[in-house]
Amino acid sequence: MREIQPGWNETVRITWLLLWRAVAGGFVMSFLLGLVVNSAGLFALGHILDTQANLAFGVLVALIWWPLVVRMALKKRFQGFRLALIATEA
């Protein structure tokens, strides 16, 4: 395995991958979770959750989703390179 120094092209490609997957996946998952929770609350209790509770669910989704996005990026093969973790000497 040959180590390369990342240039702006690689940096932008990695940043874009992390950004769009985090935003798109987080939005979809937060929307679906909010829809399910608010629908259940509406049918069971007769009202939906307030804005702060919905925001808390969104933050929870983001905290769970972000490590999955990073893991996907570490497994992805980009054109010409892939991300790798290399152990250093202790």
Protein backbone atom coordinates (compact mmCIF):
# COMPACT_ATOMS: atom_id res chain seq x y z
CA MET A 1 0.00 0.00 0.00
CA ARG A 2 1.37 3.36 -1.04
CA GLU A 3 0.53 6.40 1.07
CA ILE A 4 -0.34 9.57 -0.83
CA GLN A 5 -0.54 13.13 0.37
CA PRO A 6 -4.13 14.35 -0.01
CA GLY A 7 -4.57 17.32 -2.31
CA TRP A 8 -7.56 19.59 -2.67
CA ASN A 9 -9.26 17.20 -5.09
CA GLU A 10 -9.23 14.34 -2.58
CA THR A 11 -10.16 16.64 0.30
CA VAL A 12 -13.18 18.03 -1.54
CA ARG A 13 -14.32 14.56 -2.64
CA ILE A 14 -14.15 13.18 0.91
CA THR A 15 -15.85 16.28 2.36
CA TRP A 16 -18.63 16.10 -0.21
CA LEU A 17 -19.20 12.39 0.49
CA LEU A 18 -19.45 13.00 4.24
CA LEU A 19 -21.62 16.08 3.85
CA TRP A 20 -24.24 14.80 1.45
CA ARG A 21 -24.60 11.41 3.14
CA ALA A 22 -24.88 12.99 6.58
CA VAL A 23 -27.41 15.60 5.49
CA ALA A 24 -29.50 13.43 3.16
CA GLY A 25 -29.55 10.37 5.42
CA GLY A 26 -30.06 12.42 8.56
CA PHE A 27 -32.92 14.34 6.98
CA VAL A 28 -34.68 11.21 5.75
CA MET A 29 -34.21 9.33 9.01
CA SER A 30 -35.24 12.32 11.15
CA PHE A 31 -38.31 12.91 9.00
CA LEU A 32 -39.39 9.27 9.19
CA LEU A 33 -38.77 9.03 12.93
CA GLY A 34 -40.63 12.29 13.53
CA LEU A 35 -43.51 11.11 11.37
CA VAL A 36 -43.79 7.81 13.23
CA VAL A 37 -43.45 9.33 16.71
CA ASN A 38 -45.85 12.21 16.03
CA SER A 39 -48.39 9.94 14.33
CA ALA A 40 -48.27 7.54 17.28
CA GLY A 41 -48.60 10.44 19.71
CA LEU A 42 -51.53 11.86 17.76
CA PHE A 43 -53.40 8.56 17.73
CA ALA A 44 -52.51 7.49 21.30
CA LEU A 45 -52.56 10.82 23.16
CA GLY A 46 -54.46 13.14 20.85
CA HIS A 47 -51.61 15.60 20.25
CA ILE A 48 -48.25 15.80 18.56
CA LEU A 49 -44.95 16.54 20.26
CA ASP A 50 -43.69 20.08 20.64
CA THR A 51 -40.81 21.56 18.68
CA GLN A 52 -38.17 20.89 21.36
CA ALA A 53 -39.05 17.19 21.52
CA ASN A 54 -38.87 16.90 17.73
CA LEU A 55 -35.52 18.70 17.79
CA ALA A 56 -34.25 16.25 20.42
CA PHE A 57 -35.23 13.34 18.17
CA GLY A 58 -33.37 14.98 15.28
CA VAL A 59 -30.24 15.41 17.39
CA LEU A 60 -30.46 11.79 18.52
CA VAL A 61 -30.71 10.63 14.92
CA ALA A 62 -27.69 12.78 13.98
CA LEU A 63 -25.61 11.33 16.84
CA ILE A 64 -26.44 7.80 15.74
CA TRP A 65 -26.18 8.47 11.99
CA TRP A 66 -22.82 10.33 11.89
CA PRO A 67 -20.60 7.36 12.93
CA LEU A 68 -22.35 5.26 10.28
CA VAL A 69 -21.55 7.88 7.64
CA VAL A 70 -17.88 7.90 8.67
CA ARG A 71 -17.80 4.10 8.54
CA MET A 72 -19.30 4.15 5.04
CA ALA A 73 -16.62 6.64 3.95
CA LEU A 74 -13.87 4.42 5.35
CA LYS A 75 -15.19 1.46 3.34
CA LYS A 76 -15.70 3.38 0.09
CA ARG A 77 -13.25 3.08 -2.77
CA PHE A 78 -12.81 6.43 -4.45
CA GLN A 79 -11.41 6.76 -7.95
CA GLY A 80 -7.67 6.40 -7.47
CA PHE A 81 -7.62 6.02 -3.67
CA ARG A 82 -9.41 4.80 -0.57
CA LEU A 83 -9.29 5.90 3.05
CA ALA A 84 -7.25 3.71 5.36
CA LEU A 85 -6.34 3.67 9.02
CA ILE A 86 -2.65 2.99 9.51
CA ALA A 87 -1.30 2.06 12.92
CA THR A 88 1.57 4.16 14.19
CA GLU A 89 4.37 2.99 16.38
CA ALA A 90 3.55 3.32 20.06
